[in-house]
């Protein structure tokens, strides 16, 4: 049975007014156990953030690892998405994709850093997501290299446009990416048809290396589900925040 102290999580709710998206966006922020309001914690920004908290059990897993002194304390910002708008905002073919990238960088980031005890240094920011959440996280780092240089991608649903964007980039020596994919993800059903995400992640891995990115890549037993991503999270958190 899990120790009760692991379950004492500090999760605050907030919102940011967006002129770029023409709406108010809610978010949640997890702060580490015994956090210091005057500190400057590294921070993990999560696409599909409510799913990472509810299905990935991120806050509970982070609490345990921090209290057991396996990793450094960090904060996590969970940004939910309206599922009906998800492809439009997260996919490079989406109508609102460029607006979302700009919102994330120019509106969300300053709002978080102004109010909460998080670091403002690019080395201390990690962008994370699964499936299309991994896609948009990588594109943010490619589009805004001065702001974002570390990416956590679980089963990234990468499209041809992602390969093109990497190919058009110069050196990606600044980029550090944790990239995992399930060995069973060879025919993942999407509204764009069945996608062989295993093959596509191998392609992305190859072209990232060609551009000198630092990639921690692994193919694991798993499929396109939260069961796989939840199991993988402690490994990813250790990669970015290990003591």
C-alpha atoms as a PDB file:
ATOM      1  CA  UNK A   1       0.000   0.000   0.000  1.00  0.00           C
ATOM      2  CA  UNK A   2       1.353   3.433  -0.947  1.00  0.00           C
ATOM      3  CA  UNK A   3       2.572   5.613   1.920  1.00  0.00           C
ATOM      4  CA  UNK A   4       0.078   8.388   2.671  1.00  0.00           C
ATOM      5  CA  UNK A   5       2.776  11.062   2.411  1.00  0.00           C
ATOM      6  CA  UNK A   6       3.111  10.262  -1.278  1.00  0.00           C
ATOM      7  CA  UNK A   7      -0.542  11.169  -1.761  1.00  0.00           C
ATOM      8  CA  UNK A   8      -0.302  14.642  -0.184  1.00  0.00           C
ATOM      9  CA  UNK A   9       0.016  16.519  -3.426  1.00  0.00           C
ATOM     10  CA  UNK A  10      -0.013  20.276  -3.948  1.00  0.00           C
ATOM     11  CA  UNK A  11      -1.912  20.984  -7.165  1.00  0.00           C
ATOM     12  CA  UNK A  12      -3.074  24.545  -7.807  1.00  0.00           C
ATOM     13  CA  UNK A  13      -5.508  25.722 -10.455  1.00  0.00           C
ATOM     14  CA  UNK A  14      -5.056  28.779 -12.624  1.00  0.00           C
ATOM     15  CA  UNK A  15      -5.952  30.242 -15.986  1.00  0.00           C
ATOM     16  CA  UNK A  16      -4.417  32.448 -18.615  1.00  0.00           C
ATOM     17  CA  UNK A  17      -6.223  34.899 -20.882  1.00  0.00           C
ATOM     18  CA  UNK A  18      -5.204  34.281 -24.477  1.00  0.00           C
ATOM     19  CA  UNK A  19      -5.674  36.854 -27.191  1.00  0.00           C
ATOM     20  CA  UNK A  20      -4.001  34.497 -29.654  1.00  0.00           C
ATOM     21  CA  UNK A  21      -6.561  31.730 -29.064  1.00  0.00           C
ATOM     22  CA  UNK A  22      -9.357  34.161 -28.204  1.00  0.00           C
ATOM     23  CA  UNK A  23     -10.292  32.351 -24.995  1.00  0.00           C
ATOM     24  CA  UNK A  24      -9.307  31.703 -21.389  1.00  0.00           C
ATOM     25  CA  UNK A  25      -7.191  28.593 -20.926  1.00  0.00           C
ATOM     26  CA  UNK A  26      -7.226  26.746 -17.587  1.00  0.00           C
ATOM     27  CA  UNK A  27      -4.201  24.903 -16.243  1.00  0.00           C
ATOM     28  CA  UNK A  28      -3.072  23.074 -13.129  1.00  0.00           C
ATOM     29  CA  UNK A  29       0.368  23.257 -11.559  1.00  0.00           C
ATOM     30  CA  UNK A  30       1.920  20.614  -9.345  1.00  0.00           C
ATOM     31  CA  UNK A  31       4.443  21.822  -6.773  1.00  0.00           C
ATOM     32  CA  UNK A  32       6.875  19.419  -5.081  1.00  0.00           C
ATOM     33  CA  UNK A  33       6.533  18.263  -1.455  1.00  0.00           C
ATOM     34  CA  UNK A  34       7.606  20.863   1.114  1.00  0.00           C
ATOM     35  CA  UNK A  35       8.089  23.379  -1.676  1.00  0.00           C
ATOM     36  CA  UNK A  36       9.639  26.764  -1.037  1.00  0.00           C
ATOM     37  CA  UNK A  37       7.787  29.725  -2.544  1.00  0.00           C
ATOM     38  CA  UNK A  38      11.118  31.515  -2.938  1.00  0.00           C
ATOM     39  CA  UNK A  39      12.728  28.648  -4.819  1.00  0.00           C
ATOM     40  CA  UNK A  40      13.148  28.314  -8.570  1.00  0.00           C
ATOM     41  CA  UNK A  41      12.189  24.762  -9.535  1.00  0.00           C
ATOM     42  CA  UNK A  42      12.767  23.099 -12.885  1.00  0.00           C
ATOM     43  CA  UNK A  43       9.416  22.691 -14.576  1.00  0.00           C
ATOM     44  CA  UNK A  44       7.750  20.127 -16.816  1.00  0.00           C
ATOM     45  CA  UNK A  45       5.089  21.543 -19.170  1.00  0.00           C
ATOM     46  CA  UNK A  46       2.604  18.869 -20.223  1.00  0.00           C
ATOM     47  CA  UNK A  47       0.295  18.738 -23.224  1.00  0.00           C
ATOM     48  CA  UNK A  48      -2.888  16.749 -22.497  1.00  0.00           C
ATOM     49  CA  UNK A  49      -2.061  17.783 -18.960  1.00  0.00           C
ATOM     50  CA  UNK A  50      -5.232  16.576 -17.261  1.00  0.00           C
ATOM     51  CA  UNK A  51      -4.621  13.099 -18.699  1.00  0.00           C
ATOM     52  CA  UNK A  52      -1.043  13.128 -17.380  1.00  0.00           C
ATOM     53  CA  UNK A  53      -2.338  13.928 -13.900  1.00  0.00           C
ATOM     54  CA  UNK A  54      -5.345  11.583 -13.953  1.00  0.00           C
ATOM     55  CA  UNK A  55      -4.215   8.658 -16.140  1.00  0.00           C
ATOM     56  CA  UNK A  56      -0.451   9.013 -15.930  1.00  0.00           C
ATOM     57  CA  UNK A  57      -0.586   9.620 -12.159  1.00  0.00           C
ATOM     58  CA  UNK A  58       2.255  12.054 -12.616  1.00  0.00           C
ATOM     59  CA  UNK A  59       1.854  13.973  -9.347  1.00  0.00           C
ATOM     60  CA  UNK A  60       1.712  10.816  -7.224  1.00  0.00           C
ATOM     61  CA  UNK A  61       4.695   9.267  -8.996  1.00  0.00           C
ATOM     62  CA  UNK A  62       6.662  12.511  -8.717  1.00  0.00           C
ATOM     63  CA  UNK A  63       5.877  12.832  -5.006  1.00  0.00           C
ATOM     64  CA  UNK A  64       7.166   9.336  -4.329  1.00  0.00           C
ATOM     65  CA  UNK A  65      10.362   9.803  -6.317  1.00  0.00           C
ATOM     66  CA  UNK A  66      11.112  13.206  -4.774  1.00  0.00           C
ATOM     67  CA  UNK A  67      10.439  12.052  -1.212  1.00  0.00           C
ATOM     68  CA  UNK A  68      12.564   8.951  -1.805  1.00  0.00           C
ATOM     69  CA  UNK A  69      15.313  11.291  -3.069  1.00  0.00           C
ATOM     70  CA  UNK A  70      15.502   9.621  -6.453  1.00  0.00           C
ATOM     71  CA  UNK A  71      15.066  12.898  -8.334  1.00  0.00           C
ATOM     72  CA  UNK A  72      15.349  16.633  -7.726  1.00  0.00           C
ATOM     73  CA  UNK A  73      12.150  18.475  -6.798  1.00  0.00           C
ATOM     74  CA  UNK A  74      10.387  19.919  -9.833  1.00  0.00           C
ATOM     75  CA  UNK A  75       7.094  21.568 -10.761  1.00  0.00           C
ATOM     76  CA  UNK A  76       4.709  20.408 -13.489  1.00  0.00           C
ATOM     77  CA  UNK A  77       2.222  22.490 -15.453  1.00  0.00           C
ATOM     78  CA  UNK A  78      -0.701  20.492 -16.819  1.00  0.00           C
ATOM     79  CA  UNK A  79      -2.387  22.173 -19.756  1.00  0.00           C
ATOM     80  CA  UNK A  80      -5.599  20.415 -20.821  1.00  0.00           C
ATOM     81  CA  UNK A  81      -6.974  20.510 -24.339  1.00  0.00           C
ATOM     82  CA  UNK A  82     -10.466  20.386 -25.741  1.00  0.00           C
ATOM     83  CA  UNK A  83     -10.385  17.004 -27.509  1.00  0.00           C
ATOM     84  CA  UNK A  84     -12.430  18.410 -30.395  1.00  0.00           C
ATOM     85  CA  UNK A  85      -9.662  20.993 -31.002  1.00  0.00           C
ATOM     86  CA  UNK A  86      -6.721  18.716 -30.275  1.00  0.00           C
ATOM     87  CA  UNK A  87      -5.654  17.940 -33.836  1.00  0.00           C
ATOM     88  CA  UNK A  88      -6.196  21.544 -34.903  1.00  0.00           C
ATOM     89  CA  UNK A  89      -3.818  22.750 -32.162  1.00  0.00           C
ATOM     90  CA  UNK A  90      -1.360  19.864 -31.793  1.00  0.00           C
ATOM     91  CA  UNK A  91      -0.824  18.664 -35.379  1.00  0.00           C
ATOM     92  CA  UNK A  92       1.361  20.646 -37.821  1.00  0.00           C
ATOM     93  CA  UNK A  93      -1.464  20.322 -40.374  1.00  0.00           C
ATOM     94  CA  UNK A  94      -3.912  21.926 -37.934  1.00  0.00           C
ATOM     95  CA  UNK A  95      -5.548  25.315 -38.541  1.00  0.00           C
ATOM     96  CA  UNK A  96      -4.641  26.574 -35.057  1.00  0.00           C
ATOM     97  CA  UNK A  97      -1.216  24.944 -34.769  1.00  0.00           C
ATOM     98  CA  UNK A  98       0.866  28.104 -35.254  1.00  0.00           C
ATOM     99  CA  UNK A  99      -1.438  30.058 -32.942  1.00  0.00           C
ATOM    100  CA  UNK A 100      -1.015  27.396 -30.266  1.00  0.00           C
ATOM    101  CA  UNK A 101       2.789  27.454 -30.502  1.00  0.00           C
ATOM    102  CA  UNK A 102       2.736  31.220 -30.160  1.00  0.00           C
ATOM    103  CA  UNK A 103       0.235  31.112 -27.260  1.00  0.00           C
ATOM    104  CA  UNK A 104       2.356  28.590 -25.404  1.00  0.00           C
ATOM    105  CA  UNK A 105       5.525  30.638 -25.733  1.00  0.00           C
ATOM    106  CA  UNK A 106       4.285  34.212 -25.557  1.00  0.00           C
ATOM    107  CA  UNK A 107       1.293  33.953 -23.187  1.00  0.00           C
ATOM    108  CA  UNK A 108       1.400  30.778 -21.095  1.00  0.00           C
ATOM    109  CA  UNK A 109       5.117  30.739 -20.315  1.00  0.00           C
ATOM    110  CA  UNK A 110       5.298  34.318 -18.950  1.00  0.00           C
ATOM    111  CA  UNK A 111       2.090  33.828 -16.949  1.00  0.00           C
ATOM    112  CA  UNK A 112       3.497  30.744 -15.199  1.00  0.00           C
ATOM    113  CA  UNK A 113       6.935  32.215 -14.570  1.00  0.00           C
ATOM    114  CA  UNK A 114       5.531  35.435 -13.154  1.00  0.00           C
ATOM    115  CA  UNK A 115       3.310  33.774 -10.545  1.00  0.00           C
ATOM    116  CA  UNK A 116       4.889  30.464  -9.506  1.00  0.00           C
ATOM    117  CA  UNK A 117       8.283  29.398  -8.078  1.00  0.00           C
ATOM    118  CA  UNK A 118       9.683  27.997 -11.325  1.00  0.00           C
ATOM    119  CA  UNK A 119      12.928  28.561 -13.155  1.00  0.00           C
ATOM    120  CA  UNK A 120      13.053  30.871 -16.167  1.00  0.00           C
ATOM    121  CA  UNK A 121      16.158  29.215 -17.614  1.00  0.00           C
ATOM    122  CA  UNK A 122      15.698  27.163 -20.819  1.00  0.00           C
ATOM    123  CA  UNK A 123      17.772  24.303 -19.340  1.00  0.00           C
ATOM    124  CA  UNK A 124      15.187  23.949 -16.581  1.00  0.00           C
ATOM    125  CA  UNK A 125      12.150  23.746 -18.874  1.00  0.00           C
ATOM    126  CA  UNK A 126      10.971  20.394 -20.209  1.00  0.00           C
ATOM    127  CA  UNK A 127       8.122  20.053 -22.707  1.00  0.00           C
ATOM    128  CA  UNK A 128       6.239  16.772 -22.493  1.00  0.00           C
ATOM    129  CA  UNK A 129       3.462  14.927 -24.246  1.00  0.00           C
ATOM    130  CA  UNK A 130       2.213  11.649 -25.662  1.00  0.00           C
ATOM    131  CA  UNK A 131       1.080  10.998 -29.231  1.00  0.00           C
ATOM    132  CA  UNK A 132       0.280  14.397 -30.808  1.00  0.00           C
ATOM    133  CA  UNK A 133       1.303  15.956 -27.490  1.00  0.00           C
ATOM    134  CA  UNK A 134       4.817  14.735 -28.220  1.00  0.00           C
ATOM    135  CA  UNK A 135       4.567  16.147 -31.722  1.00  0.00           C
ATOM    136  CA  UNK A 136       3.627  19.672 -30.652  1.00  0.00           C
ATOM    137  CA  UNK A 137       6.249  19.611 -27.884  1.00  0.00           C
ATOM    138  CA  UNK A 138       8.993  18.834 -30.395  1.00  0.00           C
ATOM    139  CA  UNK A 139       7.742  21.519 -32.773  1.00  0.00           C
ATOM    140  CA  UNK A 140       7.812  24.084 -29.961  1.00  0.00           C
ATOM    141  CA  UNK A 141      11.492  23.303 -29.381  1.00  0.00           C
ATOM    142  CA  UNK A 142      12.225  23.486 -33.113  1.00  0.00           C
ATOM    143  CA  UNK A 143      10.329  26.763 -33.528  1.00  0.00           C
ATOM    144  CA  UNK A 144      11.578  28.462 -30.335  1.00  0.00           C
ATOM    145  CA  UNK A 145      15.073  27.095 -29.597  1.00  0.00           C
ATOM    146  CA  UNK A 146      15.946  30.028 -27.338  1.00  0.00           C
ATOM    147  CA  UNK A 147      13.090  29.104 -25.004  1.00  0.00           C
ATOM    148  CA  UNK A 148      12.780  25.310 -25.209  1.00  0.00           C
ATOM    149  CA  UNK A 149      15.617  22.816 -25.457  1.00  0.00           C
ATOM    150  CA  UNK A 150      14.391  19.682 -23.687  1.00  0.00           C
ATOM    151  CA  UNK A 151      11.533  17.427 -24.819  1.00  0.00           C
ATOM    152  CA  UNK A 152       9.807  14.342 -23.416  1.00  0.00           C
ATOM    153  CA  UNK A 153       8.048  12.492 -26.237  1.00  0.00           C
ATOM    154  CA  UNK A 154       6.046   9.331 -25.559  1.00  0.00           C
ATOM    155  CA  UNK A 155       4.771   7.587 -28.704  1.00  0.00           C
ATOM    156  CA  UNK A 156       5.056  10.786 -30.734  1.00  0.00           C
ATOM    157  CA  UNK A 157       2.496  10.890 -33.551  1.00  0.00           C
ATOM    158  CA  UNK A 158       4.938  12.467 -35.967  1.00  0.00           C
ATOM    159  CA  UNK A 159       3.793  13.463 -39.440  1.00  0.00           C
ATOM    160  CA  UNK A 160       5.731  14.154 -42.642  1.00  0.00           C
ATOM    161  CA  UNK A 161       5.681  17.842 -41.699  1.00  0.00           C
ATOM    162  CA  UNK A 162       7.733  17.012 -38.588  1.00  0.00           C
ATOM    163  CA  UNK A 163      10.396  15.289 -40.662  1.00  0.00           C
ATOM    164  CA  UNK A 164      10.402  18.266 -43.036  1.00  0.00           C
ATOM    165  CA  UNK A 165      10.779  20.718 -40.143  1.00  0.00           C
ATOM    166  CA  UNK A 166      13.748  18.803 -38.728  1.00  0.00           C
ATOM    167  CA  UNK A 167      15.296  18.555 -42.178  1.00  0.00           C
ATOM    168  CA  UNK A 168      15.025  22.313 -42.647  1.00  0.00           C
ATOM    169  CA  UNK A 169      16.722  22.974 -39.317  1.00  0.00           C
ATOM    170  CA  UNK A 170      20.390  23.687 -38.870  1.00  0.00           C
ATOM    171  CA  UNK A 171      22.302  22.009 -36.075  1.00  0.00           C
ATOM    172  CA  UNK A 172      20.072  20.748 -33.262  1.00  0.00           C
ATOM    173  CA  UNK A 173      22.973  20.376 -30.872  1.00  0.00           C
ATOM    174  CA  UNK A 174      20.985  22.383 -28.331  1.00  0.00           C
ATOM    175  CA  UNK A 175      18.133  19.837 -28.268  1.00  0.00           C
ATOM    176  CA  UNK A 176      17.834  17.046 -25.711  1.00  0.00           C
ATOM    177  CA  UNK A 177      14.950  14.646 -26.246  1.00  0.00           C
ATOM    178  CA  UNK A 178      13.699  11.586 -24.408  1.00  0.00           C
ATOM    179  CA  UNK A 179      11.891   9.590 -27.097  1.00  0.00           C
ATOM    180  CA  UNK A 180      10.064   6.332 -26.441  1.00  0.00           C
ATOM    181  CA  UNK A 181       7.806   4.245 -28.645  1.00  0.00           C
ATOM    182  CA  UNK A 182       5.952   0.970 -28.106  1.00  0.00           C
ATOM    183  CA  UNK A 183       6.952  -2.006 -30.207  1.00  0.00           C
ATOM    184  CA  UNK A 184       3.262  -2.742 -30.885  1.00  0.00           C
ATOM    185  CA  UNK A 185       2.551   0.724 -32.309  1.00  0.00           C
ATOM    186  CA  UNK A 186       2.684  -0.336 -35.942  1.00  0.00           C
ATOM    187  CA  UNK A 187      -0.941   0.374 -36.909  1.00  0.00           C
ATOM    188  CA  UNK A 188      -2.316   2.986 -34.525  1.00  0.00           C
ATOM    189  CA  UNK A 189      -5.863   4.002 -35.529  1.00  0.00           C
ATOM    190  CA  UNK A 190      -6.354   7.757 -35.897  1.00  0.00           C
ATOM    191  CA  UNK A 191      -8.811   9.946 -37.798  1.00  0.00           C
ATOM    192  CA  UNK A 192      -5.946  10.340 -40.312  1.00  0.00           C
ATOM    193  CA  UNK A 193      -5.950   6.567 -40.844  1.00  0.00           C
ATOM    194  CA  UNK A 194      -3.792   3.848 -39.311  1.00  0.00           C
ATOM    195  CA  UNK A 195      -0.297   5.148 -38.591  1.00  0.00           C
ATOM    196  CA  UNK A 196       2.868   3.095 -38.172  1.00  0.00           C
ATOM    197  CA  UNK A 197       4.265   5.162 -35.324  1.00  0.00           C
ATOM    198  CA  UNK A 198       7.093   2.736 -34.665  1.00  0.00           C
ATOM    199  CA  UNK A 199       8.469   3.278 -38.179  1.00  0.00           C
ATOM    200  CA  UNK A 200       7.874   7.017 -37.984  1.00  0.00           C
ATOM    201  CA  UNK A 201       9.661   7.341 -34.632  1.00  0.00           C
ATOM    202  CA  UNK A 202      12.614   5.474 -36.066  1.00  0.00           C
ATOM    203  CA  UNK A 203      12.718   7.988 -38.931  1.00  0.00           C
ATOM    204  CA  UNK A 204      12.500  10.949 -36.559  1.00  0.00           C
ATOM    205  CA  UNK A 205      15.212   9.460 -34.364  1.00  0.00           C
ATOM    206  CA  UNK A 206      17.476   9.060 -37.390  1.00  0.00           C
ATOM    207  CA  UNK A 207      17.051  12.612 -38.679  1.00  0.00           C
ATOM    208  CA  UNK A 208      17.413  14.090 -35.183  1.00  0.00           C
ATOM    209  CA  UNK A 209      20.772  12.370 -34.852  1.00  0.00           C
ATOM    210  CA  UNK A 210      21.776  13.652 -38.292  1.00  0.00           C
ATOM    211  CA  UNK A 211      21.150  17.172 -36.960  1.00  0.00           C
ATOM    212  CA  UNK A 212      23.268  16.486 -33.830  1.00  0.00           C
ATOM    213  CA  UNK A 213      20.370  16.368 -31.331  1.00  0.00           C
ATOM    214  CA  UNK A 214      20.970  14.497 -28.085  1.00  0.00           C
ATOM    215  CA  UNK A 215      18.422  11.674 -28.119  1.00  0.00           C
ATOM    216  CA  UNK A 216      17.637   9.118 -25.433  1.00  0.00           C
ATOM    217  CA  UNK A 217      15.699   6.702 -27.629  1.00  0.00           C
ATOM    218  CA  UNK A 218      14.083   3.418 -26.651  1.00  0.00           C
ATOM    219  CA  UNK A 219      11.624   0.940 -28.099  1.00  0.00           C
ATOM    220  CA  UNK A 220       9.697  -0.770 -25.328  1.00  0.00           C
ATOM    221  CA  UNK A 221       7.018  -3.415 -24.977  1.00  0.00           C
ATOM    222  CA  UNK A 222       3.822  -1.415 -25.150  1.00  0.00           C
ATOM    223  CA  UNK A 223       1.074   0.057 -27.253  1.00  0.00           C
ATOM    224  CA  UNK A 224      -0.621   3.430 -27.709  1.00  0.00           C
ATOM    225  CA  UNK A 225      -2.197   3.561 -24.255  1.00  0.00           C
ATOM    226  CA  UNK A 226      -1.807   5.266 -20.898  1.00  0.00           C
ATOM    227  CA  UNK A 227      -0.796   1.957 -19.347  1.00  0.00           C
ATOM    228  CA  UNK A 228       2.445   2.127 -21.339  1.00  0.00           C
ATOM    229  CA  UNK A 229       3.022   5.843 -20.809  1.00  0.00           C
ATOM    230  CA  UNK A 230       2.356   5.662 -17.064  1.00  0.00           C
ATOM    231  CA  UNK A 231       4.925   2.859 -16.686  1.00  0.00           C
ATOM    232  CA  UNK A 232       7.451   4.853 -18.675  1.00  0.00           C
ATOM    233  CA  UNK A 233       7.065   8.098 -16.717  1.00  0.00           C
ATOM    234  CA  UNK A 234       9.429   7.279 -13.819  1.00  0.00           C
ATOM    235  CA  UNK A 235      12.189   6.504 -16.334  1.00  0.00           C
ATOM    236  CA  UNK A 236      11.548   9.783 -18.121  1.00  0.00           C
ATOM    237  CA  UNK A 237      11.465  11.767 -14.877  1.00  0.00           C
ATOM    238  CA  UNK A 238      14.730  10.184 -13.820  1.00  0.00           C
ATOM    239  CA  UNK A 239      16.292  11.121 -17.146  1.00  0.00           C
ATOM    240  CA  UNK A 240      15.458  14.809 -16.725  1.00  0.00           C
ATOM    241  CA  UNK A 241      15.588  15.296 -12.959  1.00  0.00           C
ATOM    242  CA  UNK A 242      17.910  12.640 -11.552  1.00  0.00           C
ATOM    243  CA  UNK A 243      19.982  13.672  -8.537  1.00  0.00           C
END
